[in-house]
C-alpha cells in the first residue's frame, strides 16, 4: 500500500462548488453514453429545455 492510497482513504471526498454544473456534466455523460445514431447527441452538442428558455429570456430582454 503506497502513501497516496492511504492518504486518499483518510480524506473525505471533495464536494463540487457548483452543483448545477456537476448535474449538467452528469446529464451530458449519460446522454452521450446512451445516444445511438445521432452524432450531435454523441458529441454532446445539444440544447436542453432550460437552455432554450434562458436564451428566450435573454433575447426578449433586449
PDB file of N, CA and C in Angstrom:
ATOM      1  N   UNK A   1       0.856  -1.178   0.000  1.00  0.00           N
ATOM      2  CA  UNK A   1       0.000   0.000   0.000  1.00  0.00           C
ATOM      3  C   UNK A   1       0.901   1.240   0.000  1.00  0.00           C
ATOM      4  N   UNK A   2       0.693   2.098  -0.952  1.00  0.00           N
ATOM      5  CA  UNK A   2       1.517   3.295  -1.007  1.00  0.00           C
ATOM      6  C   UNK A   2       0.859   4.443  -0.232  1.00  0.00           C
ATOM      7  N   UNK A   3       1.600   5.489  -0.051  1.00  0.00           N
ATOM      8  CA  UNK A   3       1.153   6.619   0.763  1.00  0.00           C
ATOM      9  C   UNK A   3      -0.058   7.325   0.149  1.00  0.00           C
ATOM     10  N   UNK A   4      -0.111   7.406  -1.182  1.00  0.00           N
ATOM     11  CA  UNK A   4      -1.230   8.077  -1.845  1.00  0.00           C
ATOM     12  C   UNK A   4      -2.541   7.339  -1.576  1.00  0.00           C
ATOM     13  N   UNK A   5      -2.521   6.026  -1.605  1.00  0.00           N
ATOM     14  CA  UNK A   5      -3.721   5.238  -1.333  1.00  0.00           C
ATOM     15  C   UNK A   5      -4.172   5.428   0.104  1.00  0.00           C
ATOM     16  N   UNK A   6      -3.233   5.408   1.030  1.00  0.00           N
ATOM     17  CA  UNK A   6      -3.558   5.591   2.435  1.00  0.00           C
ATOM     18  C   UNK A   6      -4.114   6.988   2.691  1.00  0.00           C
ATOM     19  N   UNK A   7      -3.493   8.007   2.115  1.00  0.00           N
ATOM     20  CA  UNK A   7      -3.956   9.381   2.305  1.00  0.00           C
ATOM     21  C   UNK A   7      -5.332   9.578   1.670  1.00  0.00           C
ATOM     22  N   UNK A   8      -5.561   8.970   0.506  1.00  0.00           N
ATOM     23  CA  UNK A   8      -6.850   9.091  -0.168  1.00  0.00           C
ATOM     24  C   UNK A   8      -7.968   8.445   0.626  1.00  0.00           C
ATOM     25  N   UNK A   9      -7.665   7.393   1.364  1.00  0.00           N
ATOM     26  CA  UNK A   9      -8.684   6.719   2.161  1.00  0.00           C
ATOM     27  C   UNK A   9      -9.035   7.522   3.409  1.00  0.00           C
ATOM     28  N   UNK A  10      -8.132   8.353   3.871  1.00  0.00           N
ATOM     29  CA  UNK A  10      -8.359   9.099   5.104  1.00  0.00           C
ATOM     30  C   UNK A  10      -9.008  10.456   4.876  1.00  0.00           C
ATOM     31  N   UNK A  11      -8.944  10.989   3.679  1.00  0.00           N
ATOM     32  CA  UNK A  11      -9.530  12.308   3.414  1.00  0.00           C
ATOM     33  C   UNK A  11     -10.946  12.149   2.871  1.00  0.00           C
ATOM     34  N   UNK A  12     -11.856  13.020   3.268  1.00  0.00           N
ATOM     35  CA  UNK A  12     -13.229  12.943   2.742  1.00  0.00           C
ATOM     36  C   UNK A  12     -13.260  13.395   1.287  1.00  0.00           C
ATOM     37  N   UNK A  13     -14.236  12.942   0.514  1.00  0.00           N
ATOM     38  CA  UNK A  13     -14.325  13.370  -0.887  1.00  0.00           C
ATOM     39  C   UNK A  13     -14.665  14.847  -0.977  1.00  0.00           C
ATOM     40  N   UNK A  14     -14.216  15.488  -2.029  1.00  0.00           N
ATOM     41  CA  UNK A  14     -14.491  16.908  -2.215  1.00  0.00           C
ATOM     42  C   UNK A  14     -15.900  17.097  -2.754  1.00  0.00           C
ATOM     43  N   UNK A  15     -16.521  18.164  -2.327  1.00  0.00           N
ATOM     44  CA  UNK A  15     -17.872  18.493  -2.770  1.00  0.00           C
ATOM     45  C   UNK A  15     -17.757  19.504  -3.895  1.00  0.00           C
ATOM     46  N   UNK A  16     -18.438  19.291  -5.012  1.00  0.00           N
ATOM     47  CA  UNK A  16     -18.365  20.266  -6.096  1.00  0.00           C
ATOM     48  C   UNK A  16     -18.925  21.612  -5.646  1.00  0.00           C
ATOM     49  N   UNK A  17     -18.270  22.690  -6.067  1.00  0.00           N
ATOM     50  CA  UNK A  17     -18.697  24.028  -5.654  1.00  0.00           C
ATOM     51  C   UNK A  17     -19.980  24.456  -6.352  1.00  0.00           C
ATOM     52  N   UNK A  18     -20.161  24.032  -7.561  1.00  0.00           N
ATOM     53  CA  UNK A  18     -21.350  24.411  -8.322  1.00  0.00           C
ATOM     54  C   UNK A  18     -22.132  23.147  -8.629  1.00  0.00           C
ATOM     55  N   UNK A  19     -23.174  22.895  -7.875  1.00  0.00           N
ATOM     56  CA  UNK A  19     -23.925  21.654  -8.041  1.00  0.00           C
ATOM     57  C   UNK A  19     -24.630  21.578  -9.390  1.00  0.00           C
ATOM     58  N   UNK A  20     -25.090  22.697  -9.917  1.00  0.00           N
ATOM     59  CA  UNK A  20     -25.770  22.695 -11.203  1.00  0.00           C
ATOM     60  C   UNK A  20     -24.801  22.277 -12.310  1.00  0.00           C
ATOM     61  N   UNK A  21     -23.589  22.738 -12.235  1.00  0.00           N
ATOM     62  CA  UNK A  21     -22.610  22.378 -13.247  1.00  0.00           C
ATOM     63  C   UNK A  21     -22.310  20.884 -13.189  1.00  0.00           C
ATOM     64  N   UNK A  22     -22.200  20.338 -12.013  1.00  0.00           N
ATOM     65  CA  UNK A  22     -21.949  18.917 -11.872  1.00  0.00           C
ATOM     66  C   UNK A  22     -23.123  18.112 -12.420  1.00  0.00           C
ATOM     67  N   UNK A  23     -24.329  18.590 -12.183  1.00  0.00           N
ATOM     68  CA  UNK A  23     -25.519  17.907 -12.691  1.00  0.00           C
ATOM     69  C   UNK A  23     -25.527  17.923 -14.210  1.00  0.00           C
ATOM     70  N   UNK A  24     -25.150  19.062 -14.793  1.00  0.00           N
ATOM     71  CA  UNK A  24     -25.103  19.161 -16.252  1.00  0.00           C
ATOM     72  C   UNK A  24     -24.058  18.215 -16.836  1.00  0.00           C
ATOM     73  N   UNK A  25     -22.910  18.128 -16.185  1.00  0.00           N
ATOM     74  CA  UNK A  25     -21.865  17.230 -16.669  1.00  0.00           C
ATOM     75  C   UNK A  25     -22.339  15.781 -16.594  1.00  0.00           C
ATOM     76  N   UNK A  26     -23.037  15.434 -15.519  1.00  0.00           N
ATOM     77  CA  UNK A  26     -23.568  14.076 -15.394  1.00  0.00           C
ATOM     78  C   UNK A  26     -24.621  13.802 -16.457  1.00  0.00           C
ATOM     79  N   UNK A  27     -25.478  14.770 -16.718  1.00  0.00           N
ATOM     80  CA  UNK A  27     -26.507  14.617 -17.739  1.00  0.00           C
ATOM     81  C   UNK A  27     -25.882  14.440 -19.115  1.00  0.00           C
ATOM     82  N   UNK A  28     -24.870  15.242 -19.403  1.00  0.00           N
ATOM     83  CA  UNK A  28     -24.185  15.146 -20.688  1.00  0.00           C
ATOM     84  C   UNK A  28     -23.541  13.774 -20.856  1.00  0.00           C
ATOM     85  N   UNK A  29     -22.906  13.280 -19.802  1.00  0.00           N
ATOM     86  CA  UNK A  29     -22.269  11.965 -19.871  1.00  0.00           C
ATOM     87  C   UNK A  29     -23.302  10.868 -20.097  1.00  0.00           C
ATOM     88  N   UNK A  30     -24.437  10.966 -19.429  1.00  0.00           N
ATOM     89  CA  UNK A  30     -25.479   9.954 -19.592  1.00  0.00           C
ATOM     90  C   UNK A  30     -26.052   9.978 -21.001  1.00  0.00           C
ATOM     91  N   UNK A  31     -26.260  11.158 -21.542  1.00  0.00           N
ATOM     92  CA  UNK A  31     -26.822  11.272 -22.893  1.00  0.00           C
ATOM     93  C   UNK A  31     -25.842  10.758 -23.928  1.00  0.00           C
ATOM     94  N   UNK A  32     -24.573  11.110 -23.802  1.00  0.00           N
ATOM     95  CA  UNK A  32     -23.601  10.662 -24.796  1.00  0.00           C
ATOM     96  C   UNK A  32     -23.394   9.154 -24.750  1.00  0.00           C
ATOM     97  N   UNK A  33     -23.537   8.561 -23.571  1.00  0.00           N
ATOM     98  CA  UNK A  33     -23.384   7.107 -23.485  1.00  0.00           C
ATOM     99  C   UNK A  33     -24.588   6.373 -24.058  1.00  0.00           C
ATOM    100  N   UNK A  34     -25.780   6.919 -23.877  1.00  0.00           N
ATOM    101  CA  UNK A  34     -26.984   6.211 -24.314  1.00  0.00           C
ATOM    102  C   UNK A  34     -27.414   6.561 -25.736  1.00  0.00           C
ATOM    103  N   UNK A  35     -26.848   7.617 -26.324  1.00  0.00           N
ATOM    104  CA  UNK A  35     -27.244   8.033 -27.668  1.00  0.00           C
ATOM    105  C   UNK A  35     -26.678   7.071 -28.707  1.00  0.00           C
ATOM    106  N   UNK A  36     -27.514   6.732 -29.657  1.00  0.00           N
ATOM    107  CA  UNK A  36     -27.036   5.904 -30.771  1.00  0.00           C
ATOM    108  C   UNK A  36     -27.626   6.439 -32.061  1.00  0.00           C
ATOM    109  N   UNK A  37     -26.777   6.686 -33.031  1.00  0.00           N
ATOM    110  CA  UNK A  37     -27.243   7.150 -34.332  1.00  0.00           C
ATOM    111  C   UNK A  37     -27.190   8.650 -34.518  1.00  0.00           C
ATOM    112  N   UNK A  38     -27.397   9.433 -33.477  1.00  0.00           N
ATOM    113  CA  UNK A  38     -27.384  10.880 -33.603  1.00  0.00           C
ATOM    114  C   UNK A  38     -26.003  11.388 -33.185  1.00  0.00           C
ATOM    115  N   UNK A  39     -25.250  11.888 -34.143  1.00  0.00           N
ATOM    116  CA  UNK A  39     -23.877  12.315 -33.894  1.00  0.00           C
ATOM    117  C   UNK A  39     -23.830  13.520 -32.954  1.00  0.00           C
ATOM    118  N   UNK A  40     -24.792  14.432 -33.075  1.00  0.00           N
ATOM    119  CA  UNK A  40     -24.797  15.608 -32.212  1.00  0.00           C
ATOM    120  C   UNK A  40     -25.000  15.217 -30.750  1.00  0.00           C
ATOM    121  N   UNK A  41     -25.855  14.254 -30.485  1.00  0.00           N
ATOM    122  CA  UNK A  41     -26.040  13.783 -29.109  1.00  0.00           C
ATOM    123  C   UNK A  41     -24.804  13.062 -28.607  1.00  0.00           C
ATOM    124  N   UNK A  42     -24.169  12.288 -29.451  1.00  0.00           N
ATOM    125  CA  UNK A  42     -22.989  11.542 -29.045  1.00  0.00           C
ATOM    126  C   UNK A  42     -21.831  12.456 -28.697  1.00  0.00           C
ATOM    127  N   UNK A  43     -21.732  13.603 -29.366  1.00  0.00           N
ATOM    128  CA  UNK A  43     -20.645  14.540 -29.078  1.00  0.00           C
ATOM    129  C   UNK A  43     -21.025  15.580 -28.032  1.00  0.00           C
ATOM    130  N   UNK A  44     -22.257  15.560 -27.570  1.00  0.00           N
ATOM    131  CA  UNK A  44     -22.680  16.489 -26.527  1.00  0.00           C
ATOM    132  C   UNK A  44     -23.080  17.853 -27.037  1.00  0.00           C
ATOM    133  N   UNK A  45     -23.376  17.960 -28.307  1.00  0.00           N
ATOM    134  CA  UNK A  45     -23.771  19.248 -28.888  1.00  0.00           C
ATOM    135  C   UNK A  45     -25.289  19.287 -29.035  1.00  0.00           C
ATOM    136  N   UNK A  46     -25.965  19.692 -27.965  1.00  0.00           N
ATOM    137  CA  UNK A  46     -27.420  19.753 -27.937  1.00  0.00           C
ATOM    138  C   UNK A  46     -27.840  20.843 -26.964  1.00  0.00           C
ATOM    139  N   UNK A  47     -29.100  21.239 -27.016  1.00  0.00           N
ATOM    140  CA  UNK A  47     -29.668  22.241 -26.113  1.00  0.00           C
ATOM    141  C   UNK A  47     -30.794  21.602 -25.322  1.00  0.00           C
ATOM    142  N   UNK A  48     -30.811  21.835 -24.018  1.00  0.00           N
ATOM    143  CA  UNK A  48     -31.885  21.333 -23.178  1.00  0.00           C
ATOM    144  C   UNK A  48     -33.021  22.360 -23.151  1.00  0.00           C
ATOM    145  N   UNK A  49     -34.163  21.974 -22.588  1.00  0.00           N
ATOM    146  CA  UNK A  49     -35.284  22.907 -22.467  1.00  0.00           C
ATOM    147  C   UNK A  49     -34.901  24.118 -21.636  1.00  0.00           C
ATOM    148  N   UNK A  50     -34.125  23.908 -20.595  1.00  0.00           N
ATOM    149  CA  UNK A  50     -33.682  25.018 -19.752  1.00  0.00           C
ATOM    150  C   UNK A  50     -32.784  25.982 -20.511  1.00  0.00           C
ATOM    151  N   UNK A  51     -31.886  25.451 -21.348  1.00  0.00           N
ATOM    152  CA  UNK A  51     -31.016  26.301 -22.162  1.00  0.00           C
ATOM    153  C   UNK A  51     -31.830  27.148 -23.135  1.00  0.00           C
ATOM    154  N   UNK A  52     -32.838  26.545 -23.739  1.00  0.00           N
ATOM    155  CA  UNK A  52     -33.672  27.268 -24.708  1.00  0.00           C
ATOM    156  C   UNK A  52     -34.490  28.356 -24.023  1.00  0.00           C
ATOM    157  N   UNK A  53     -35.050  28.053 -22.846  1.00  0.00           N
ATOM    158  CA  UNK A  53     -35.850  29.068 -22.154  1.00  0.00           C
ATOM    159  C   UNK A  53     -34.971  30.217 -21.659  1.00  0.00           C
ATOM    160  N   UNK A  54     -33.747  29.930 -21.223  1.00  0.00           N
ATOM    161  CA  UNK A  54     -32.835  31.005 -20.814  1.00  0.00           C
ATOM    162  C   UNK A  54     -32.456  31.884 -22.002  1.00  0.00           C
ATOM    163  N   UNK A  55     -32.261  31.273 -23.158  1.00  0.00           N
ATOM    164  CA  UNK A  55     -31.928  32.041 -24.371  1.00  0.00           C
ATOM    165  C   UNK A  55     -33.101  32.930 -24.775  1.00  0.00           C
ATOM    166  N   UNK A  56     -34.326  32.407 -24.656  1.00  0.00           N
ATOM    167  CA  UNK A  56     -35.516  33.196 -24.991  1.00  0.00           C
ATOM    168  C   UNK A  56     -35.643  34.402 -24.063  1.00  0.00           C
ATOM    169  N   UNK A  57     -35.412  34.184 -22.750  1.00  0.00           N
ATOM    170  CA  UNK A  57     -35.497  35.298 -21.805  1.00  0.00           C
ATOM    171  C   UNK A  57     -34.421  36.336 -22.083  1.00  0.00           C
ATOM    172  N   UNK A  58     -33.236  35.869 -22.429  1.00  0.00           N
ATOM    173  CA  UNK A  58     -32.138  36.802 -22.711  1.00  0.00           C
ATOM    174  C   UNK A  58     -32.440  37.624 -23.967  1.00  0.00           C
ATOM    175  N   UNK A  59     -32.989  36.987 -25.001  1.00  0.00           N
ATOM    176  CA  UNK A  59     -33.316  37.703 -26.217  1.00  0.00           C
ATOM    177  C   UNK A  59     -34.500  38.653 -26.041  1.00  0.00           C
ATOM    178  N   UNK A  60     -35.459  38.276 -25.198  1.00  0.00           N
ATOM    179  CA  UNK A  60     -36.623  39.141 -25.008  1.00  0.00           C
ATOM    180  C   UNK A  60     -36.307  40.351 -24.133  1.00  0.00           C
ATOM    181  N   UNK A  61     -35.193  40.322 -23.416  1.00  0.00           N
ATOM    182  CA  UNK A  61     -34.839  41.463 -22.568  1.00  0.00           C
ATOM    183  C   UNK A  61     -34.239  42.625 -23.352  1.00  0.00           C
ATOM    184  N   UNK A  62     -33.879  42.398 -24.612  1.00  0.00           N
ATOM    185  CA  UNK A  62     -33.289  43.468 -25.426  1.00  0.00           C
ATOM    186  C   UNK A  62     -34.309  44.391 -25.957  1.00  0.00           C
TER     187      UNK A  62
END
